[in-house]
Amino acid sequence: MTRWQDLGAALRDHPVNNPIESEQKTEFGQKVTVQCQISTPDGSNPCIRTVWMVEAETSPRLVTAYPATE
């Protein structure tokens, strides 16, 4: 992929531009799941799900991203 910077920016913006689907407290921190559209260069903007871990005193960390099937 030659536009990896665009993908990185779109993933970072995903939780800002979409509602939180669920939150769960775990032994590793707060697990936050966000679902729906991600911006793409071609404008197709597919619905994806991202999972983030929010730990005390640190920035949220992306755990995974995958196509939403719902």
Protein backbone atom coordinates (compact mmCIF):
# COMPACT_ATOMS: atom_id res chain seq x y z
CA MET A 1 0.00 0.00 0.00
CA THR A 2 1.55 3.28 -1.03
CA ARG A 3 -0.81 5.50 0.99
CA TRP A 4 -0.24 3.99 4.42
CA GLN A 5 -0.19 7.46 6.00
CA ASP A 6 -3.78 7.99 4.83
CA LEU A 7 -4.82 4.68 6.39
CA GLY A 8 -3.12 5.60 9.66
CA ALA A 9 -4.88 8.97 9.77
CA ALA A 10 -8.26 7.38 8.95
CA LEU A 11 -7.83 4.81 11.74
CA ARG A 12 -6.89 7.52 14.26
CA ASP A 13 -9.97 9.54 13.22
CA HIS A 14 -12.34 6.55 13.35
CA PRO A 15 -13.23 6.87 17.07
CA VAL A 16 -13.55 10.65 16.73
CA ASN A 17 -16.03 10.44 13.83
CA ASN A 18 -18.12 7.45 14.97
CA PRO A 19 -20.07 6.42 18.08
CA ILE A 20 -18.70 4.07 20.70
CA GLU A 21 -20.37 0.68 20.35
CA SER A 22 -19.25 -0.73 23.69
CA GLU A 23 -16.90 -0.19 26.62
CA GLN A 24 -15.58 -2.85 28.97
CA LYS A 25 -13.24 -2.60 31.92
CA THR A 26 -10.53 -5.29 31.76
CA GLU A 27 -7.37 -6.09 33.67
CA PHE A 28 -5.44 -4.35 30.86
CA GLY A 29 -7.46 -1.12 30.89
CA GLN A 30 -10.68 0.14 29.32
CA LYS A 31 -11.56 -1.71 26.09
CA VAL A 32 -13.48 0.54 23.68
CA THR A 33 -15.13 -0.70 20.48
CA VAL A 34 -16.12 1.74 17.73
CA GLN A 35 -18.08 0.84 14.61
CA CYS A 36 -18.95 2.30 11.27
CA GLN A 37 -17.55 4.29 8.39
CA ILE A 38 -13.88 4.95 7.81
CA SER A 39 -12.76 7.54 5.28
CA THR A 40 -11.13 6.14 2.15
CA PRO A 41 -9.45 7.86 -0.83
CA ASP A 42 -11.96 6.37 -3.27
CA GLY A 43 -14.94 7.54 -1.21
CA SER A 44 -16.37 4.04 -0.62
CA ASN A 45 -16.08 4.58 3.17
CA PRO A 46 -16.79 1.00 4.36
CA CYS A 47 -18.12 0.20 7.82
CA ILE A 48 -15.38 -1.21 10.03
CA ARG A 49 -14.98 -2.03 13.71
CA THR A 50 -11.96 -0.82 15.67
CA VAL A 51 -10.97 -1.91 19.16
CA TRP A 52 -8.92 0.38 21.39
CA MET A 53 -7.33 -0.05 24.81
CA VAL A 54 -7.29 3.00 27.05
CA GLU A 55 -4.84 2.71 29.91
CA ALA A 56 -4.31 5.23 32.69
CA GLU A 57 -1.93 8.05 31.78
CA THR A 58 -1.42 6.90 28.15
CA SER A 59 -2.97 7.56 24.76
CA PRO A 60 -5.52 5.06 23.44
CA ARG A 61 -3.87 2.13 21.65
CA LEU A 62 -5.36 0.50 18.54
CA VAL A 63 -5.70 -3.25 19.09
CA THR A 64 -7.42 -4.33 15.87
CA ALA A 65 -9.57 -3.19 12.97
CA TYR A 66 -11.75 -5.37 10.74
CA PRO A 67 -14.81 -5.14 8.47
CA ALA A 68 -18.09 -4.95 10.38
CA THR A 69 -20.52 -7.65 9.31
CA GLU A 70 -23.69 -6.16 10.77
